[in-house]
N, C-alpha and C. Protein backbone atom coordinates (compact mmCIF):
# COMPACT_ATOMS: atom_id res chain seq x y z
N MET A 1 118.54 158.97 92.14
CA MET A 1 117.84 158.03 91.29
C MET A 1 116.77 158.78 90.51
N HIS A 2 115.56 158.87 91.05
CA HIS A 2 114.49 159.60 90.38
C HIS A 2 114.25 160.90 91.13
N ARG A 3 113.71 161.85 90.44
CA ARG A 3 113.26 163.07 91.11
C ARG A 3 111.97 163.48 90.42
N LEU A 4 110.93 163.60 91.20
CA LEU A 4 109.66 164.04 90.64
C LEU A 4 109.82 165.45 90.12
N LYS A 5 109.03 165.78 89.15
CA LYS A 5 109.06 167.15 88.64
C LYS A 5 108.59 168.08 89.74
N GLU A 6 109.30 169.16 89.89
CA GLU A 6 108.88 170.14 90.87
C GLU A 6 107.56 170.74 90.43
N THR A 7 106.71 170.97 91.41
CA THR A 7 105.40 171.53 91.11
C THR A 7 105.36 172.99 91.55
N ARG A 8 104.59 173.77 90.86
CA ARG A 8 104.43 175.18 91.19
C ARG A 8 105.77 175.91 91.25
N GLY A 9 106.82 175.36 90.59
CA GLY A 9 108.12 175.99 90.60
C GLY A 9 108.85 175.87 91.93
N GLU A 10 108.30 175.07 92.86
CA GLU A 10 108.91 174.91 94.18
C GLU A 10 109.39 173.47 94.34
N PRO A 11 110.37 173.25 95.22
CA PRO A 11 110.79 171.87 95.48
C PRO A 11 109.64 171.06 96.06
N LEU A 12 109.71 169.76 95.86
CA LEU A 12 108.68 168.89 96.42
C LEU A 12 108.72 168.95 97.94
N ASN A 13 107.55 168.79 98.53
CA ASN A 13 107.45 168.85 99.99
C ASN A 13 106.95 167.51 100.52
N ASP A 14 106.77 167.43 101.82
CA ASP A 14 106.31 166.19 102.45
C ASP A 14 105.01 165.69 101.85
N HIS A 15 104.08 166.58 101.57
CA HIS A 15 102.80 166.17 100.99
C HIS A 15 102.99 165.52 99.62
N ASP A 16 103.84 166.11 98.80
CA ASP A 16 104.08 165.56 97.46
C ASP A 16 104.68 164.16 97.52
N TRP A 17 105.71 163.99 98.36
CA TRP A 17 106.36 162.68 98.47
C TRP A 17 105.42 161.65 99.08
N LEU A 18 104.65 162.07 100.08
CA LEU A 18 103.72 161.12 100.71
C LEU A 18 102.59 160.75 99.75
N ARG A 19 102.17 161.70 98.94
CA ARG A 19 101.15 161.40 97.92
C ARG A 19 101.69 160.35 96.94
N LEU A 20 102.97 160.46 96.57
CA LEU A 20 103.59 159.45 95.71
C LEU A 20 103.58 158.09 96.41
N ALA A 21 103.91 158.03 97.68
CA ALA A 21 103.88 156.76 98.42
C ALA A 21 102.47 156.16 98.38
N CYS A 22 101.46 157.00 98.54
CA CYS A 22 100.07 156.52 98.48
C CYS A 22 99.74 155.98 97.09
N GLU A 23 100.25 156.63 96.06
CA GLU A 23 100.03 156.15 94.69
C GLU A 23 100.74 154.82 94.45
N LEU A 24 101.91 154.64 95.02
CA LEU A 24 102.63 153.37 94.89
C LEU A 24 101.85 152.22 95.51
N ALA A 25 101.09 152.51 96.56
CA ALA A 25 100.29 151.46 97.21
C ALA A 25 99.25 150.88 96.25
N LEU A 26 98.85 151.66 95.26
CA LEU A 26 97.88 151.18 94.27
C LEU A 26 98.49 150.12 93.35
N LEU A 27 99.82 150.00 93.32
CA LEU A 27 100.50 149.00 92.50
C LEU A 27 100.55 147.62 93.16
N CYS A 28 100.21 147.55 94.43
CA CYS A 28 100.32 146.29 95.17
C CYS A 28 99.31 145.27 94.68
N PRO A 29 99.75 144.03 94.49
CA PRO A 29 98.77 142.99 94.21
C PRO A 29 97.83 142.88 95.42
N PRO A 30 96.52 142.81 95.20
CA PRO A 30 95.59 142.74 96.33
C PRO A 30 95.85 141.51 97.19
N SER A 31 95.57 141.65 98.47
CA SER A 31 95.72 140.55 99.41
C SER A 31 94.60 140.61 100.43
N PRO A 32 94.04 139.44 100.80
CA PRO A 32 93.02 139.44 101.84
C PRO A 32 93.62 139.47 103.25
N ALA A 33 94.96 139.37 103.33
CA ALA A 33 95.60 139.25 104.64
C ALA A 33 96.75 140.22 104.87
N ALA A 34 96.87 141.26 104.03
CA ALA A 34 97.96 142.22 104.20
C ALA A 34 97.57 143.56 103.57
N PHE A 35 98.08 144.61 104.18
CA PHE A 35 97.81 145.96 103.67
C PHE A 35 98.62 146.23 102.41
N SER A 36 98.07 147.08 101.55
CA SER A 36 98.78 147.59 100.38
C SER A 36 99.40 148.92 100.78
N VAL A 37 100.72 148.98 100.69
CA VAL A 37 101.48 150.13 101.19
C VAL A 37 102.52 150.54 100.16
N GLY A 38 102.77 151.84 100.06
CA GLY A 38 103.84 152.36 99.23
C GLY A 38 104.82 153.13 100.09
N ALA A 39 106.10 153.13 99.69
CA ALA A 39 107.13 153.85 100.44
C ALA A 39 108.15 154.45 99.47
N VAL A 40 108.65 155.62 99.86
CA VAL A 40 109.69 156.30 99.09
C VAL A 40 110.75 156.79 100.07
N VAL A 41 112.01 156.56 99.75
CA VAL A 41 113.13 157.08 100.55
C VAL A 41 113.71 158.25 99.78
N VAL A 42 113.75 159.41 100.44
CA VAL A 42 114.21 160.65 99.81
C VAL A 42 115.36 161.23 100.61
N GLY A 43 116.44 161.56 99.92
CA GLY A 43 117.61 162.14 100.56
C GLY A 43 117.38 163.58 100.99
N ALA A 44 118.28 164.07 101.82
CA ALA A 44 118.20 165.45 102.30
C ALA A 44 118.25 166.45 101.15
N ASP A 45 118.81 166.04 100.02
CA ASP A 45 118.90 166.92 98.85
C ASP A 45 117.60 166.96 98.04
N GLY A 46 116.57 166.24 98.50
CA GLY A 46 115.29 166.23 97.80
C GLY A 46 115.23 165.26 96.64
N ARG A 47 116.23 164.41 96.51
CA ARG A 47 116.25 163.42 95.43
C ARG A 47 115.81 162.06 95.95
N GLU A 48 115.02 161.40 95.13
CA GLU A 48 114.58 160.06 95.49
C GLU A 48 115.77 159.11 95.49
N ILE A 49 115.87 158.31 96.54
CA ILE A 49 116.92 157.30 96.64
C ILE A 49 116.36 155.95 96.20
N ALA A 50 115.15 155.63 96.67
CA ALA A 50 114.52 154.34 96.32
C ALA A 50 113.03 154.41 96.62
N ARG A 51 112.32 153.47 96.03
CA ARG A 51 110.88 153.34 96.29
C ARG A 51 110.52 151.87 96.31
N GLY A 52 109.40 151.57 96.92
CA GLY A 52 108.93 150.19 96.96
C GLY A 52 107.46 150.13 97.31
N HIS A 53 106.88 148.95 97.11
CA HIS A 53 105.51 148.74 97.53
C HIS A 53 105.35 147.30 98.02
N SER A 54 104.34 147.09 98.80
CA SER A 54 104.08 145.77 99.36
C SER A 54 103.93 144.74 98.27
N ARG A 55 104.49 143.56 98.52
CA ARG A 55 104.39 142.41 97.61
C ARG A 55 105.02 142.70 96.25
N GLU A 56 105.97 143.63 96.23
CA GLU A 56 106.62 144.04 94.97
C GLU A 56 107.30 142.88 94.27
N ASP A 57 108.06 142.10 94.99
CA ASP A 57 108.78 140.98 94.37
C ASP A 57 108.68 139.70 95.20
N ASP A 58 107.90 139.74 96.25
CA ASP A 58 107.73 138.61 97.16
C ASP A 58 106.39 138.82 97.86
N PRO A 59 105.57 137.80 98.01
CA PRO A 59 104.26 138.00 98.62
C PRO A 59 104.32 138.47 100.08
N ARG A 60 105.48 138.37 100.72
CA ARG A 60 105.60 138.79 102.12
C ARG A 60 106.34 140.09 102.32
N VAL A 61 106.86 140.69 101.23
CA VAL A 61 107.66 141.90 101.39
C VAL A 61 106.77 143.12 101.69
N HIS A 62 107.23 143.94 102.61
CA HIS A 62 106.55 145.20 102.95
C HIS A 62 107.19 146.34 102.16
N ALA A 63 106.47 147.43 102.04
CA ALA A 63 106.92 148.56 101.21
C ALA A 63 108.24 149.15 101.67
N GLU A 64 108.36 149.43 102.96
CA GLU A 64 109.60 150.03 103.47
C GLU A 64 110.76 149.06 103.28
N GLU A 65 110.50 147.79 103.52
CA GLU A 65 111.50 146.74 103.33
C GLU A 65 111.97 146.70 101.88
N ALA A 66 111.03 146.76 100.94
CA ALA A 66 111.36 146.73 99.51
C ALA A 66 112.21 147.93 99.12
N ALA A 67 111.84 149.12 99.61
CA ALA A 67 112.60 150.33 99.27
C ALA A 67 114.00 150.29 99.88
N LEU A 68 114.10 149.95 101.15
CA LEU A 68 115.40 149.94 101.82
C LEU A 68 116.32 148.87 101.25
N ALA A 69 115.77 147.79 100.75
CA ALA A 69 116.58 146.70 100.18
C ALA A 69 117.29 147.15 98.89
N LYS A 70 116.83 148.22 98.29
CA LYS A 70 117.44 148.73 97.06
C LYS A 70 118.62 149.68 97.32
N ILE A 71 118.90 149.92 98.60
CA ILE A 71 119.95 150.85 99.00
C ILE A 71 121.05 150.06 99.70
N LEU A 72 122.28 150.34 99.33
CA LEU A 72 123.40 149.63 99.96
C LEU A 72 123.49 149.99 101.44
N PRO A 73 123.73 149.00 102.31
CA PRO A 73 123.90 149.31 103.73
C PRO A 73 125.03 150.32 103.92
N GLY A 74 124.81 151.24 104.84
CA GLY A 74 125.81 152.26 105.11
C GLY A 74 125.84 153.41 104.13
N ASP A 75 124.87 153.46 103.21
CA ASP A 75 124.81 154.57 102.26
C ASP A 75 124.83 155.88 103.05
N PRO A 76 125.77 156.78 102.76
CA PRO A 76 125.89 158.01 103.54
C PRO A 76 124.69 158.95 103.44
N ARG A 77 123.80 158.71 102.50
CA ARG A 77 122.60 159.56 102.39
C ARG A 77 121.53 159.20 103.42
N LEU A 78 121.60 158.00 103.99
CA LEU A 78 120.51 157.52 104.84
C LEU A 78 120.30 158.35 106.12
N PRO A 79 121.33 158.76 106.85
CA PRO A 79 121.06 159.54 108.07
C PRO A 79 120.31 160.85 107.81
N GLY A 80 120.42 161.42 106.62
CA GLY A 80 119.70 162.65 106.29
C GLY A 80 118.42 162.40 105.51
N ALA A 81 118.10 161.13 105.29
CA ALA A 81 116.95 160.78 104.45
C ALA A 81 115.65 160.74 105.24
N THR A 82 114.57 160.75 104.49
CA THR A 82 113.22 160.58 105.04
C THR A 82 112.58 159.40 104.34
N VAL A 83 111.92 158.55 105.11
CA VAL A 83 111.08 157.48 104.55
C VAL A 83 109.65 157.99 104.57
N TYR A 84 109.03 158.02 103.40
CA TYR A 84 107.62 158.37 103.26
C TYR A 84 106.87 157.06 103.09
N SER A 85 105.91 156.80 103.97
CA SER A 85 105.15 155.55 103.92
C SER A 85 103.67 155.84 104.03
N SER A 86 102.89 155.20 103.16
CA SER A 86 101.45 155.43 103.20
C SER A 86 100.83 154.89 104.49
N LEU A 87 101.46 153.89 105.10
CA LEU A 87 100.96 153.29 106.34
C LEU A 87 102.09 153.29 107.37
N GLU A 88 101.72 153.42 108.61
CA GLU A 88 102.68 153.34 109.72
C GLU A 88 103.56 152.09 109.57
N PRO A 89 104.87 152.23 109.64
CA PRO A 89 105.75 151.07 109.54
C PRO A 89 105.45 150.06 110.65
N CYS A 90 105.44 148.80 110.28
CA CYS A 90 105.06 147.74 111.23
C CYS A 90 106.05 147.65 112.38
N SER A 91 105.55 147.17 113.51
CA SER A 91 106.39 146.98 114.69
C SER A 91 106.51 145.51 115.07
N ARG A 92 105.79 144.66 114.35
CA ARG A 92 105.81 143.23 114.63
C ARG A 92 105.51 142.48 113.34
N ARG A 93 106.26 141.37 113.12
CA ARG A 93 106.05 140.57 111.91
C ARG A 93 106.20 139.10 112.22
N ALA A 94 105.38 138.31 111.60
CA ALA A 94 105.51 136.86 111.72
C ALA A 94 106.40 136.31 110.61
N SER A 95 106.46 136.99 109.48
CA SER A 95 107.14 136.45 108.30
C SER A 95 108.61 136.85 108.17
N ARG A 96 109.10 137.73 109.02
CA ARG A 96 110.48 138.20 108.92
C ARG A 96 111.03 138.40 110.34
N PRO A 97 112.35 138.34 110.49
CA PRO A 97 112.92 138.53 111.82
C PRO A 97 112.85 139.96 112.35
N ARG A 98 112.84 140.96 111.44
CA ARG A 98 112.80 142.35 111.88
C ARG A 98 111.63 143.08 111.23
N PRO A 99 110.85 143.81 112.03
CA PRO A 99 109.76 144.61 111.46
C PRO A 99 110.32 145.84 110.76
N CYS A 100 109.47 146.50 109.99
CA CYS A 100 109.90 147.66 109.22
C CYS A 100 110.40 148.80 110.10
N SER A 101 109.79 148.99 111.27
CA SER A 101 110.27 150.06 112.16
C SER A 101 111.73 149.79 112.55
N ARG A 102 112.08 148.55 112.81
CA ARG A 102 113.46 148.20 113.16
C ARG A 102 114.38 148.34 111.95
N LEU A 103 113.92 147.95 110.76
CA LEU A 103 114.72 148.11 109.54
C LEU A 103 115.07 149.58 109.32
N ILE A 104 114.10 150.45 109.56
CA ILE A 104 114.32 151.89 109.38
C ILE A 104 115.36 152.39 110.39
N VAL A 105 115.19 152.03 111.65
CA VAL A 105 116.15 152.46 112.68
C VAL A 105 117.55 151.93 112.33
N ASP A 106 117.64 150.66 111.99
CA ASP A 106 118.94 150.05 111.68
C ASP A 106 119.58 150.64 110.44
N SER A 107 118.78 151.19 109.52
CA SER A 107 119.32 151.79 108.29
C SER A 107 120.01 153.12 108.56
N GLY A 108 119.66 153.77 109.66
CA GLY A 108 120.21 155.08 109.97
C GLY A 108 119.30 156.23 109.61
N VAL A 109 118.17 155.95 108.96
CA VAL A 109 117.20 157.01 108.63
C VAL A 109 116.69 157.62 109.93
N ARG A 110 116.59 158.93 109.95
CA ARG A 110 116.20 159.62 111.19
C ARG A 110 114.85 160.34 111.09
N ARG A 111 114.12 160.13 109.97
CA ARG A 111 112.83 160.82 109.81
C ARG A 111 111.90 159.95 108.99
N VAL A 112 110.65 159.84 109.46
CA VAL A 112 109.60 159.09 108.77
C VAL A 112 108.36 159.96 108.70
N VAL A 113 107.74 159.98 107.52
CA VAL A 113 106.48 160.69 107.33
C VAL A 113 105.45 159.65 106.89
N LEU A 114 104.32 159.60 107.58
CA LEU A 114 103.29 158.61 107.28
C LEU A 114 101.93 159.26 107.13
N ALA A 115 101.05 158.56 106.41
CA ALA A 115 99.71 159.09 106.17
C ALA A 115 98.67 158.50 107.11
N TRP A 116 98.84 157.23 107.47
CA TRP A 116 97.76 156.51 108.15
C TRP A 116 98.36 155.57 109.18
N ARG A 117 97.85 155.64 110.41
CA ARG A 117 98.25 154.70 111.46
C ARG A 117 97.61 153.36 111.17
N GLU A 118 98.37 152.29 111.40
CA GLU A 118 97.86 150.95 111.09
C GLU A 118 96.65 150.64 111.97
N PRO A 119 95.52 150.29 111.35
CA PRO A 119 94.34 149.95 112.14
C PRO A 119 94.52 148.60 112.84
N LEU A 120 93.74 148.39 113.89
CA LEU A 120 93.79 147.14 114.65
C LEU A 120 93.07 146.06 113.86
N LEU A 121 93.76 145.50 112.89
CA LEU A 121 93.15 144.49 112.03
C LEU A 121 93.97 143.20 112.05
N PHE A 122 95.27 143.31 111.77
CA PHE A 122 96.15 142.14 111.74
C PHE A 122 97.06 142.08 112.96
N ALA A 123 97.45 143.23 113.47
CA ALA A 123 98.37 143.29 114.61
C ALA A 123 98.17 144.60 115.34
N ASP A 124 98.59 144.62 116.60
CA ASP A 124 98.57 145.85 117.38
C ASP A 124 99.89 146.56 117.10
N CYS A 125 99.87 147.49 116.16
CA CYS A 125 101.08 148.15 115.67
C CYS A 125 101.45 149.34 116.54
N HIS A 126 102.73 149.42 116.85
CA HIS A 126 103.28 150.56 117.59
C HIS A 126 104.52 151.10 116.88
N GLY A 127 104.52 151.02 115.54
CA GLY A 127 105.68 151.44 114.76
C GLY A 127 106.08 152.88 114.99
N ALA A 128 105.11 153.78 115.00
CA ALA A 128 105.43 155.20 115.19
C ALA A 128 106.06 155.43 116.56
N GLU A 129 105.52 154.78 117.57
CA GLU A 129 106.06 154.92 118.92
C GLU A 129 107.46 154.32 119.02
N ASP A 130 107.66 153.16 118.40
CA ASP A 130 108.98 152.52 118.42
C ASP A 130 110.02 153.39 117.72
N LEU A 131 109.64 153.97 116.59
CA LEU A 131 110.55 154.85 115.87
C LEU A 131 110.92 156.06 116.72
N ALA A 132 109.91 156.70 117.30
CA ALA A 132 110.15 157.88 118.13
C ALA A 132 111.04 157.53 119.33
N ALA A 133 110.80 156.38 119.94
CA ALA A 133 111.62 155.96 121.09
C ALA A 133 113.07 155.74 120.69
N ALA A 134 113.31 155.41 119.42
CA ALA A 134 114.67 155.21 118.91
C ALA A 134 115.30 156.50 118.40
N GLY A 135 114.61 157.63 118.57
CA GLY A 135 115.17 158.92 118.15
C GLY A 135 114.83 159.34 116.74
N VAL A 136 113.93 158.60 116.08
CA VAL A 136 113.51 158.95 114.73
C VAL A 136 112.36 159.96 114.82
N THR A 137 112.43 161.03 114.06
CA THR A 137 111.34 162.00 114.01
C THR A 137 110.21 161.39 113.17
N VAL A 138 109.01 161.38 113.73
CA VAL A 138 107.84 160.82 113.03
C VAL A 138 106.84 161.94 112.81
N VAL A 139 106.44 162.11 111.55
CA VAL A 139 105.46 163.14 111.17
C VAL A 139 104.27 162.41 110.56
N GLU A 140 103.09 162.70 111.05
CA GLU A 140 101.87 162.12 110.49
C GLU A 140 101.11 163.21 109.73
N ILE A 141 100.69 162.88 108.51
CA ILE A 141 99.92 163.82 107.70
C ILE A 141 98.55 163.18 107.47
N PRO A 142 97.64 163.33 108.42
CA PRO A 142 96.36 162.63 108.36
C PRO A 142 95.46 163.04 107.20
N GLU A 143 95.70 164.21 106.60
CA GLU A 143 94.85 164.59 105.46
C GLU A 143 95.11 163.71 104.24
N LEU A 144 96.17 162.89 104.26
CA LEU A 144 96.41 161.94 103.18
C LEU A 144 96.02 160.51 103.58
N ALA A 145 95.44 160.34 104.75
CA ALA A 145 95.04 159.00 105.21
C ALA A 145 94.02 158.36 104.28
N GLU A 146 93.11 159.15 103.74
CA GLU A 146 92.10 158.59 102.83
C GLU A 146 92.75 157.99 101.59
N ALA A 147 93.77 158.65 101.06
CA ALA A 147 94.49 158.11 99.90
C ALA A 147 95.22 156.81 100.27
N ALA A 148 95.69 156.72 101.50
CA ALA A 148 96.37 155.50 101.95
C ALA A 148 95.37 154.37 102.19
N ARG A 149 94.17 154.71 102.62
CA ARG A 149 93.14 153.69 102.86
C ARG A 149 92.57 153.13 101.56
N GLU A 150 92.54 153.94 100.50
CA GLU A 150 91.88 153.56 99.25
C GLU A 150 92.22 152.15 98.75
N PRO A 151 93.50 151.78 98.63
CA PRO A 151 93.79 150.43 98.12
C PRO A 151 93.53 149.33 99.15
N ASN A 152 93.07 149.71 100.33
CA ASN A 152 92.83 148.75 101.41
C ASN A 152 91.37 148.66 101.83
N LEU A 153 90.50 149.28 101.07
CA LEU A 153 89.08 149.31 101.46
C LEU A 153 88.48 147.92 101.59
N HIS A 154 88.95 146.97 100.77
CA HIS A 154 88.43 145.61 100.86
C HIS A 154 88.73 144.97 102.21
N LEU A 155 89.75 145.44 102.91
CA LEU A 155 90.11 144.90 104.21
C LEU A 155 89.33 145.57 105.34
N LEU A 156 88.83 146.77 105.09
CA LEU A 156 88.27 147.60 106.15
C LEU A 156 86.78 147.49 106.32
N SER A 157 86.11 146.79 105.44
CA SER A 157 84.64 146.76 105.49
C SER A 157 84.12 146.25 106.83
N GLY A 158 84.86 145.39 107.50
CA GLY A 158 84.40 144.88 108.79
C GLY A 158 85.34 145.22 109.91
N GLY A 159 86.41 146.03 109.64
CA GLY A 159 87.39 146.28 110.68
C GLY A 159 87.46 147.74 111.09
N SER A 160 88.33 148.02 112.00
CA SER A 160 88.55 149.37 112.48
C SER A 160 89.39 150.13 111.46
N ALA A 161 89.10 151.39 111.28
CA ALA A 161 89.86 152.21 110.32
C ALA A 161 90.37 153.47 111.00
N ARG A 162 91.00 153.32 112.15
CA ARG A 162 91.46 154.50 112.89
C ARG A 162 92.33 155.38 112.06
């Protein structure tokens, strides 16, 4: 689908793709009751498969859900793909039958890179742990957590920002 321009003459790396996910979170319509999150699905070949952000086309849609919905089920690229998400994929949802961590596992994706663990604000999230327990490799890049928090600062003024 899309491929970001290579920087420094080198292929894009986890930091580059995760930075894009953090930038996508800035596109989210603000909400007093939900995080603004961006997600990008990238194939093993380094090409973008899909991207999404929270509330992209529905006030209840999550970023990973939006991105994965743009990919046909059973797409052969998914087992080698990585989901880059500015926030830890959710492990519990009231508005949908399956949380994002389950959607990722069910899609066949075997690697997730995230910037920021979900703070204890709306739910006690264990997405990273659930993914790892299902055999998905989870990589956290905490130096990009500040970029992931930026579109959510209005939610954090009185809450935990782990």
